[in-house]
N, C-alpha and C. Protein backbone atom coordinates (compact mmCIF):
# COMPACT_ATOMS: atom_id res chain seq x y z
N MET A 1 79.58 133.50 119.44
CA MET A 1 79.29 132.11 119.76
C MET A 1 80.49 131.26 119.33
N SER A 2 80.92 130.34 120.18
CA SER A 2 82.11 129.54 119.87
C SER A 2 81.70 128.28 119.12
N ASN A 3 82.64 127.76 118.31
CA ASN A 3 82.47 126.54 117.54
C ASN A 3 82.41 125.36 118.51
N ALA A 4 81.59 124.35 118.21
CA ALA A 4 81.45 123.19 119.09
C ALA A 4 82.74 122.39 119.18
N LEU A 5 83.63 122.56 118.15
CA LEU A 5 84.88 121.82 118.16
C LEU A 5 85.99 122.57 118.88
N GLU A 6 85.76 123.81 119.25
CA GLU A 6 86.78 124.59 119.94
C GLU A 6 86.88 124.17 121.41
N LEU A 7 88.10 124.16 121.88
CA LEU A 7 88.35 123.89 123.29
C LEU A 7 88.57 125.23 123.99
N ILE A 8 88.45 125.22 125.28
CA ILE A 8 88.73 126.41 126.08
C ILE A 8 90.06 126.16 126.78
N CYS A 9 90.97 127.11 126.65
CA CYS A 9 92.30 126.99 127.25
C CYS A 9 92.16 127.00 128.77
N PRO A 10 92.73 126.01 129.46
CA PRO A 10 92.64 125.98 130.92
C PRO A 10 93.48 127.08 131.59
N ASP A 11 94.45 127.64 130.86
CA ASP A 11 95.31 128.67 131.43
C ASP A 11 94.68 130.07 131.37
N CYS A 12 94.19 130.44 130.15
CA CYS A 12 93.70 131.82 129.99
C CYS A 12 92.21 131.89 129.64
N GLN A 13 91.55 130.75 129.54
CA GLN A 13 90.12 130.67 129.23
C GLN A 13 89.75 131.19 127.84
N ALA A 14 90.73 131.32 126.96
CA ALA A 14 90.46 131.77 125.59
C ALA A 14 90.05 130.57 124.74
N ALA A 15 89.41 130.84 123.60
CA ALA A 15 89.02 129.77 122.68
C ALA A 15 90.25 129.17 122.04
N ALA A 16 90.20 127.86 121.81
CA ALA A 16 91.31 127.15 121.19
C ALA A 16 90.75 126.29 120.06
N PRO A 17 90.60 126.85 118.85
CA PRO A 17 90.04 126.08 117.74
C PRO A 17 91.08 125.13 117.15
N PRO A 18 90.63 124.04 116.54
CA PRO A 18 91.58 123.15 115.88
C PRO A 18 92.15 123.83 114.63
N ASP A 19 93.43 123.56 114.36
CA ASP A 19 94.04 124.14 113.16
C ASP A 19 93.87 123.18 111.98
N SER A 20 94.41 123.57 110.84
CA SER A 20 94.23 122.79 109.62
C SER A 20 94.94 121.44 109.67
N GLN A 21 95.90 121.28 110.56
CA GLN A 21 96.63 120.02 110.69
C GLN A 21 96.05 119.11 111.75
N GLY A 22 95.00 119.54 112.43
CA GLY A 22 94.38 118.72 113.45
C GLY A 22 94.87 119.02 114.85
N GLY A 23 95.81 119.94 115.00
CA GLY A 23 96.29 120.32 116.32
C GLY A 23 95.38 121.38 116.93
N VAL A 24 95.53 121.59 118.22
CA VAL A 24 94.72 122.62 118.90
C VAL A 24 95.69 123.51 119.67
N ARG A 25 95.66 124.82 119.32
CA ARG A 25 96.54 125.80 119.96
C ARG A 25 95.65 126.94 120.45
N CYS A 26 95.92 127.38 121.66
CA CYS A 26 95.14 128.47 122.26
C CYS A 26 95.36 129.75 121.46
N ALA A 27 94.24 130.43 121.11
CA ALA A 27 94.32 131.68 120.36
C ALA A 27 94.82 132.82 121.25
N GLY A 28 94.65 132.70 122.58
CA GLY A 28 95.06 133.77 123.50
C GLY A 28 96.52 133.68 123.89
N CYS A 29 96.93 132.57 124.51
CA CYS A 29 98.29 132.46 125.04
C CYS A 29 99.21 131.61 124.16
N GLY A 30 98.67 130.91 123.18
CA GLY A 30 99.50 130.10 122.27
C GLY A 30 99.85 128.72 122.81
N ALA A 31 99.29 128.33 123.95
CA ALA A 31 99.60 127.02 124.52
C ALA A 31 99.07 125.92 123.60
N VAL A 32 99.86 124.84 123.44
CA VAL A 32 99.45 123.70 122.62
C VAL A 32 98.59 122.79 123.49
N LEU A 33 97.33 122.63 123.10
CA LEU A 33 96.41 121.79 123.86
C LEU A 33 96.29 120.39 123.26
N ALA A 34 96.60 120.25 121.98
CA ALA A 34 96.58 118.93 121.34
C ALA A 34 97.55 118.93 120.18
N GLU A 35 98.33 117.87 120.09
CA GLU A 35 99.28 117.73 118.98
C GLU A 35 98.51 117.46 117.69
N PRO A 36 99.07 117.87 116.57
CA PRO A 36 98.40 117.61 115.29
C PRO A 36 98.27 116.11 115.04
N PHE A 37 97.17 115.72 114.43
CA PHE A 37 96.93 114.33 114.08
C PHE A 37 95.99 114.30 112.88
N THR A 38 95.90 113.14 112.27
CA THR A 38 94.96 112.92 111.17
C THR A 38 94.12 111.71 111.53
N PHE A 39 92.83 111.91 111.56
CA PHE A 39 91.87 110.87 111.91
C PHE A 39 91.44 110.15 110.64
N CYS A 40 91.47 108.81 110.65
CA CYS A 40 91.06 108.03 109.48
C CYS A 40 89.54 107.88 109.46
N PRO A 41 88.89 108.32 108.39
CA PRO A 41 87.43 108.20 108.32
C PRO A 41 86.98 106.76 108.08
N GLN A 42 87.89 105.89 107.64
CA GLN A 42 87.53 104.49 107.36
C GLN A 42 87.53 103.64 108.63
N CYS A 43 88.64 103.63 109.36
CA CYS A 43 88.76 102.73 110.51
C CYS A 43 88.80 103.44 111.85
N GLY A 44 88.95 104.77 111.85
CA GLY A 44 88.95 105.53 113.10
C GLY A 44 90.30 105.67 113.76
N ARG A 45 91.36 105.15 113.17
CA ARG A 45 92.70 105.25 113.77
C ARG A 45 93.18 106.70 113.74
N ILE A 46 93.87 107.09 114.79
CA ILE A 46 94.48 108.42 114.83
C ILE A 46 95.91 108.25 114.32
N ASN A 47 96.22 108.91 113.21
CA ASN A 47 97.52 108.82 112.56
C ASN A 47 98.33 110.08 112.84
N ASN A 48 99.62 110.03 112.60
CA ASN A 48 100.49 111.20 112.76
C ASN A 48 100.04 112.30 111.81
N ALA A 49 100.25 113.52 112.21
CA ALA A 49 99.93 114.66 111.34
C ALA A 49 100.74 114.55 110.07
N GLY A 50 100.14 114.87 108.97
CA GLY A 50 100.85 114.82 107.70
C GLY A 50 100.82 113.46 107.03
N ALA A 51 100.31 112.44 107.71
CA ALA A 51 100.23 111.11 107.09
C ALA A 51 99.27 111.17 105.92
N SER A 52 99.66 110.58 104.81
CA SER A 52 98.78 110.61 103.63
C SER A 52 97.97 109.33 103.50
N VAL A 53 98.40 108.27 104.21
CA VAL A 53 97.71 106.98 104.17
C VAL A 53 97.60 106.46 105.60
N CYS A 54 96.46 105.88 105.94
CA CYS A 54 96.25 105.33 107.29
C CYS A 54 97.20 104.16 107.53
N ALA A 55 97.82 104.14 108.69
CA ALA A 55 98.77 103.09 109.04
C ALA A 55 98.07 101.76 109.30
N GLN A 56 96.77 101.77 109.55
CA GLN A 56 96.05 100.53 109.85
C GLN A 56 95.35 99.95 108.64
N CYS A 57 94.59 100.76 107.91
CA CYS A 57 93.77 100.21 106.81
C CYS A 57 94.20 100.68 105.43
N ALA A 58 95.22 101.52 105.33
CA ALA A 58 95.76 102.04 104.07
C ALA A 58 94.78 102.97 103.34
N GLU A 59 93.81 103.51 104.04
CA GLU A 59 92.87 104.48 103.47
C GLU A 59 93.62 105.79 103.22
N GLU A 60 93.32 106.44 102.08
CA GLU A 60 93.93 107.74 101.81
C GLU A 60 93.36 108.75 102.80
N LEU A 61 94.25 109.56 103.39
CA LEU A 61 93.82 110.52 104.41
C LEU A 61 93.72 111.94 103.86
N LYS A 62 94.18 112.15 102.64
CA LYS A 62 94.14 113.49 102.07
C LYS A 62 93.49 113.43 100.69
N VAL A 63 92.75 114.49 100.37
CA VAL A 63 92.13 114.62 99.06
C VAL A 63 92.35 116.05 98.59
N THR A 64 92.68 116.19 97.31
CA THR A 64 92.94 117.52 96.74
C THR A 64 91.65 118.06 96.15
N CYS A 65 91.35 119.31 96.46
CA CYS A 65 90.15 119.97 95.93
C CYS A 65 90.32 120.19 94.43
N PRO A 66 89.37 119.73 93.63
CA PRO A 66 89.50 119.94 92.19
C PRO A 66 89.32 121.40 91.79
N GLY A 67 88.76 122.22 92.68
CA GLY A 67 88.54 123.63 92.36
C GLY A 67 89.77 124.49 92.61
N CYS A 68 90.30 124.45 93.83
CA CYS A 68 91.40 125.36 94.18
C CYS A 68 92.73 124.64 94.39
N GLY A 69 92.71 123.29 94.43
CA GLY A 69 93.95 122.55 94.59
C GLY A 69 94.40 122.38 96.03
N ARG A 70 93.63 122.86 96.99
CA ARG A 70 94.01 122.73 98.39
C ARG A 70 93.89 121.27 98.82
N VAL A 71 94.84 120.82 99.65
CA VAL A 71 94.80 119.46 100.19
C VAL A 71 93.92 119.48 101.44
N ASN A 72 92.91 118.62 101.46
CA ASN A 72 91.95 118.53 102.57
C ASN A 72 92.00 117.13 103.18
N TRP A 73 91.45 117.02 104.37
CA TRP A 73 91.29 115.73 105.03
C TRP A 73 90.30 114.92 104.20
N SER A 74 90.54 113.63 104.02
CA SER A 74 89.69 112.81 103.15
C SER A 74 88.27 112.66 103.70
N GLY A 75 88.07 112.90 104.96
CA GLY A 75 86.72 112.81 105.53
C GLY A 75 85.92 114.09 105.35
N ALA A 76 86.55 115.15 104.82
CA ALA A 76 85.87 116.44 104.65
C ALA A 76 84.87 116.36 103.51
N GLU A 77 83.73 116.99 103.72
CA GLU A 77 82.72 117.05 102.66
C GLU A 77 82.92 118.27 101.77
N ARG A 78 83.51 119.34 102.33
CA ARG A 78 83.74 120.57 101.56
C ARG A 78 85.20 120.99 101.74
N CYS A 79 85.71 121.69 100.74
CA CYS A 79 87.08 122.17 100.76
C CYS A 79 87.22 123.27 101.82
N GLY A 80 88.30 123.21 102.58
CA GLY A 80 88.55 124.23 103.59
C GLY A 80 89.04 125.53 103.00
N GLY A 81 89.41 125.52 101.72
CA GLY A 81 89.89 126.74 101.07
C GLY A 81 88.80 127.49 100.35
N CYS A 82 88.08 126.80 99.45
CA CYS A 82 87.08 127.48 98.61
C CYS A 82 85.65 127.10 98.97
N GLY A 83 85.47 126.09 99.83
CA GLY A 83 84.13 125.68 100.23
C GLY A 83 83.43 124.77 99.23
N ARG A 84 84.12 124.42 98.16
CA ARG A 84 83.53 123.55 97.15
C ARG A 84 83.28 122.17 97.74
N GLU A 85 82.14 121.57 97.33
CA GLU A 85 81.83 120.22 97.79
C GLU A 85 82.84 119.26 97.14
N LEU A 86 83.48 118.49 97.97
CA LEU A 86 84.43 117.51 97.46
C LEU A 86 83.63 116.34 96.89
N ASP A 87 84.26 115.47 96.14
CA ASP A 87 83.57 114.39 95.44
C ASP A 87 82.79 113.52 96.43
N ALA A 88 81.51 113.81 96.53
CA ALA A 88 80.66 113.10 97.48
C ALA A 88 80.49 111.64 97.09
N LEU A 89 80.41 111.36 95.79
CA LEU A 89 80.22 109.98 95.33
C LEU A 89 81.46 109.15 95.65
N ALA A 90 82.65 109.69 95.35
CA ALA A 90 83.88 108.96 95.68
C ALA A 90 84.00 108.79 97.19
N HIS A 91 83.62 109.84 97.91
CA HIS A 91 83.66 109.78 99.37
C HIS A 91 82.73 108.69 99.89
N ALA A 92 81.57 108.56 99.28
CA ALA A 92 80.60 107.55 99.72
C ALA A 92 81.07 106.14 99.41
N PHE A 93 81.72 105.96 98.24
CA PHE A 93 82.12 104.61 97.83
C PHE A 93 83.50 104.20 98.34
N ARG A 94 84.29 105.14 98.86
CA ARG A 94 85.62 104.82 99.35
C ARG A 94 85.61 103.73 100.42
N PRO A 95 84.72 103.78 101.43
CA PRO A 95 84.71 102.70 102.42
C PRO A 95 84.36 101.35 101.78
N ILE A 96 83.49 101.38 100.78
CA ILE A 96 83.11 100.12 100.13
C ILE A 96 84.29 99.56 99.36
N SER A 97 84.96 100.41 98.58
CA SER A 97 86.10 99.92 97.80
C SER A 97 87.23 99.46 98.71
N ALA A 98 87.43 100.16 99.82
CA ALA A 98 88.46 99.74 100.77
C ALA A 98 88.10 98.40 101.39
N SER A 99 86.84 98.23 101.76
CA SER A 99 86.44 96.96 102.37
C SER A 99 86.49 95.83 101.34
N VAL A 100 86.20 96.14 100.07
CA VAL A 100 86.31 95.13 99.02
C VAL A 100 87.76 94.71 98.86
N GLU A 101 88.67 95.67 98.88
CA GLU A 101 90.09 95.36 98.75
C GLU A 101 90.58 94.53 99.94
N ILE A 102 90.14 94.89 101.13
CA ILE A 102 90.51 94.12 102.33
C ILE A 102 89.98 92.69 102.21
N ARG A 103 88.74 92.56 101.76
CA ARG A 103 88.12 91.23 101.59
C ARG A 103 88.86 90.44 100.51
N ARG A 104 89.26 91.12 99.42
CA ARG A 104 89.99 90.46 98.34
C ARG A 104 91.33 89.92 98.87
N GLN A 105 92.04 90.73 99.64
CA GLN A 105 93.31 90.29 100.21
C GLN A 105 93.10 89.10 101.16
N GLU A 106 92.02 89.17 101.93
CA GLU A 106 91.70 88.07 102.84
C GLU A 106 91.41 86.79 102.06
N LEU A 107 90.67 86.90 100.96
CA LEU A 107 90.36 85.74 100.14
C LEU A 107 91.63 85.16 99.51
N ILE A 108 92.53 86.04 99.07
CA ILE A 108 93.79 85.56 98.50
C ILE A 108 94.57 84.77 99.55
N ARG A 109 94.63 85.29 100.79
CA ARG A 109 95.31 84.55 101.86
C ARG A 109 94.61 83.22 102.13
N ASN A 110 93.27 83.23 102.15
CA ASN A 110 92.52 82.00 102.40
C ASN A 110 92.74 80.98 101.30
N VAL A 111 92.75 81.43 100.05
CA VAL A 111 92.97 80.52 98.93
C VAL A 111 94.37 79.92 99.02
N SER A 112 95.35 80.74 99.36
CA SER A 112 96.72 80.23 99.48
C SER A 112 96.81 79.19 100.59
N SER A 113 96.23 79.48 101.73
CA SER A 113 96.30 78.51 102.83
C SER A 113 95.47 77.27 102.50
N PHE A 114 94.34 77.45 101.80
CA PHE A 114 93.52 76.30 101.40
C PHE A 114 94.30 75.43 100.41
N ARG A 115 95.00 76.08 99.46
CA ARG A 115 95.78 75.34 98.47
C ARG A 115 96.88 74.54 99.17
N GLU A 116 97.57 75.16 100.12
CA GLU A 116 98.64 74.46 100.85
C GLU A 116 98.06 73.27 101.63
N LYS A 117 96.92 73.50 102.27
CA LYS A 117 96.27 72.43 103.04
C LYS A 117 95.86 71.28 102.12
N GLU A 118 95.26 71.61 100.97
CA GLU A 118 94.83 70.58 100.02
C GLU A 118 96.02 69.81 99.46
N GLU A 119 97.13 70.51 99.20
CA GLU A 119 98.32 69.83 98.69
C GLU A 119 98.86 68.85 99.72
N LYS A 120 98.88 69.26 100.99
CA LYS A 120 99.35 68.36 102.06
C LYS A 120 98.43 67.16 102.19
N GLU A 121 97.11 67.40 102.17
CA GLU A 121 96.16 66.30 102.30
C GLU A 121 96.23 65.38 101.09
N SER A 122 96.40 65.94 99.91
CA SER A 122 96.52 65.14 98.69
C SER A 122 97.77 64.27 98.75
N GLN A 123 98.88 64.86 99.22
CA GLN A 123 100.11 64.09 99.35
C GLN A 123 99.93 62.96 100.37
N ALA A 124 99.22 63.23 101.46
CA ALA A 124 98.97 62.20 102.47
C ALA A 124 98.13 61.07 101.87
N ARG A 125 97.09 61.43 101.08
CA ARG A 125 96.26 60.40 100.44
C ARG A 125 97.10 59.57 99.46
N LEU A 126 97.96 60.24 98.69
CA LEU A 126 98.82 59.55 97.74
C LEU A 126 99.78 58.61 98.46
N ASP A 127 100.35 59.07 99.57
CA ASP A 127 101.24 58.21 100.36
C ASP A 127 100.50 56.99 100.89
N THR A 128 99.25 57.19 101.34
CA THR A 128 98.43 56.09 101.83
C THR A 128 98.16 55.08 100.73
N LEU A 129 97.82 55.57 99.53
CA LEU A 129 97.57 54.68 98.39
C LEU A 129 98.83 53.92 97.99
N ARG A 130 99.98 54.61 98.00
CA ARG A 130 101.24 53.94 97.66
C ARG A 130 101.57 52.84 98.67
N GLU A 131 101.33 53.14 99.94
CA GLU A 131 101.59 52.14 100.99
C GLU A 131 100.66 50.93 100.81
N ALA A 132 99.38 51.19 100.51
CA ALA A 132 98.43 50.09 100.29
C ALA A 132 98.85 49.27 99.07
N ASP A 133 99.31 49.94 98.02
CA ASP A 133 99.75 49.24 96.81
C ASP A 133 101.00 48.41 97.11
N ARG A 134 101.91 48.96 97.91
CA ARG A 134 103.12 48.21 98.29
C ARG A 134 102.75 46.96 99.08
N ARG A 135 101.81 47.11 100.03
CA ARG A 135 101.37 45.96 100.83
C ARG A 135 100.68 44.91 99.96
N ARG A 136 99.86 45.38 98.98
CA ARG A 136 99.17 44.46 98.09
C ARG A 136 100.18 43.68 97.25
N ALA A 137 101.19 44.36 96.73
CA ALA A 137 102.22 43.70 95.93
C ALA A 137 103.00 42.70 96.78
N GLN A 138 103.30 43.08 98.00
CA GLN A 138 104.03 42.19 98.91
C GLN A 138 103.19 40.95 99.21
N ARG A 139 101.92 41.16 99.48
CA ARG A 139 101.02 40.03 99.78
C ARG A 139 100.87 39.12 98.56
N SER A 140 100.80 39.73 97.37
CA SER A 140 100.69 38.96 96.13
C SER A 140 101.94 38.11 95.93
N THR A 141 103.11 38.69 96.20
CA THR A 141 104.37 37.95 96.08
C THR A 141 104.40 36.79 97.08
N GLU A 142 103.96 37.04 98.31
CA GLU A 142 103.92 35.98 99.33
C GLU A 142 102.99 34.85 98.92
N LEU A 143 101.81 35.20 98.39
CA LEU A 143 100.86 34.18 97.95
C LEU A 143 101.40 33.38 96.77
N ALA A 144 102.08 34.04 95.83
CA ALA A 144 102.67 33.34 94.68
C ALA A 144 103.75 32.37 95.15
N GLU A 145 104.55 32.79 96.12
CA GLU A 145 105.60 31.92 96.67
C GLU A 145 104.99 30.71 97.37
N ARG A 146 103.93 30.93 98.11
CA ARG A 146 103.23 29.81 98.77
C ARG A 146 102.67 28.85 97.73
N ALA A 147 102.12 29.38 96.65
CA ALA A 147 101.56 28.52 95.60
C ALA A 147 102.67 27.69 94.95
N ARG A 148 103.84 28.28 94.70
CA ARG A 148 104.96 27.52 94.12
C ARG A 148 105.41 26.42 95.08
N LEU A 149 105.51 26.76 96.36
CA LEU A 149 105.90 25.74 97.34
C LEU A 149 104.87 24.62 97.40
N SER A 150 103.61 24.98 97.35
CA SER A 150 102.55 23.98 97.38
C SER A 150 102.63 23.08 96.14
N GLU A 151 102.88 23.68 94.96
CA GLU A 151 103.02 22.90 93.73
C GLU A 151 104.21 21.95 93.84
N ARG A 152 105.33 22.43 94.41
CA ARG A 152 106.51 21.58 94.57
C ARG A 152 106.22 20.41 95.49
N ARG A 153 105.49 20.69 96.56
CA ARG A 153 105.14 19.60 97.49
C ARG A 153 104.28 18.55 96.79
N ILE A 154 103.33 19.04 95.98
CA ILE A 154 102.45 18.11 95.26
C ILE A 154 103.28 17.28 94.27
N ILE A 155 104.19 17.94 93.54
CA ILE A 155 105.02 17.22 92.57
C ILE A 155 105.93 16.23 93.28
N VAL A 156 106.57 16.67 94.38
CA VAL A 156 107.44 15.76 95.14
C VAL A 156 106.62 14.60 95.68
N GLY A 157 105.43 14.89 96.18
CA GLY A 157 104.56 13.81 96.69
C GLY A 157 104.18 12.85 95.59
N ALA A 158 103.86 13.36 94.42
CA ALA A 158 103.49 12.50 93.29
C ALA A 158 104.69 11.64 92.87
N VAL A 159 105.89 12.24 92.84
CA VAL A 159 107.10 11.49 92.47
C VAL A 159 107.35 10.39 93.50
N VAL A 160 107.17 10.69 94.78
CA VAL A 160 107.37 9.69 95.83
C VAL A 160 106.36 8.56 95.67
N VAL A 161 105.10 8.91 95.41
CA VAL A 161 104.06 7.89 95.24
C VAL A 161 104.39 7.02 94.03
N ILE A 162 104.80 7.64 92.93
CA ILE A 162 105.14 6.87 91.73
C ILE A 162 106.36 5.99 92.01
N ALA A 163 107.35 6.53 92.70
CA ALA A 163 108.56 5.75 93.01
C ALA A 163 108.20 4.56 93.90
N VAL A 164 107.35 4.77 94.89
CA VAL A 164 106.95 3.66 95.77
C VAL A 164 106.16 2.63 94.96
N PHE A 165 105.29 3.11 94.10
CA PHE A 165 104.50 2.20 93.26
C PHE A 165 105.43 1.38 92.37
N LEU A 166 106.43 2.02 91.77
CA LEU A 166 107.37 1.31 90.93
C LEU A 166 108.19 0.30 91.73
N VAL A 167 108.56 0.68 92.92
CA VAL A 167 109.32 -0.26 93.78
C VAL A 167 108.45 -1.48 94.07
N PHE A 168 107.17 -1.29 94.35
CA PHE A 168 106.28 -2.42 94.62
C PHE A 168 106.10 -3.27 93.37
N ILE A 169 106.00 -2.63 92.22
CA ILE A 169 105.83 -3.39 90.98
C ILE A 169 107.10 -4.20 90.71
N ILE A 170 108.26 -3.57 90.88
CA ILE A 170 109.52 -4.28 90.65
C ILE A 170 109.66 -5.41 91.66
N ALA A 171 109.30 -5.16 92.89
CA ALA A 171 109.40 -6.20 93.92
C ALA A 171 108.43 -7.34 93.62
N ALA A 172 107.24 -6.98 93.15
CA ALA A 172 106.26 -8.02 92.82
C ALA A 172 106.73 -8.81 91.62
N MET A 173 107.35 -8.22 90.66
CA MET A 173 107.85 -8.92 89.50
C MET A 173 109.02 -9.82 89.89
N ALA A 174 109.82 -9.33 90.78
CA ALA A 174 110.96 -10.12 91.21
C ALA A 174 110.47 -11.34 91.97
N ILE A 175 109.40 -11.21 92.71
CA ILE A 175 108.88 -12.33 93.48
C ILE A 175 108.21 -13.31 92.51
N LEU A 176 107.51 -12.82 91.56
CA LEU A 176 106.79 -13.67 90.65
C LEU A 176 107.74 -14.31 89.62
N PHE A 177 108.71 -13.82 89.24
CA PHE A 177 109.57 -14.37 88.20
C PHE A 177 110.81 -14.83 88.80
């Protein structure tokens, strides 16, 4: 009975099982039916054979058997050399830790962009307040100048009234005496 993962060679109809590197070579005629590759168990990307880390999500693609030291695909549940169960707990939590790391990196980027946005908005608010303060100071200076001019007009008017009054008094005295 043939393995469900084995292909049948179109040339000689012999079984073509996958090799340890992920390639498929016909057992009968030796024809290469599939180039070696490494499938990422985290994101599903097909990576080059021999890759130790996924090019898309940075997931480790190889795990060493603690029993015999053989390097296995990280998605394997048992060692291909000795059959020992590979660390099932680490295997189960690897997608979680990878997704946590991805989320952490995303949050760091979001915080950085949020900080930049807040700094720009804060600077804009500060510029608006400075402009309002400049306008207030300018308006205050204009009002003070108007008040001084108004005081001068009142003083000049009072001096003119007093001068006219004195002229009338002097004229009246000159007429009377």
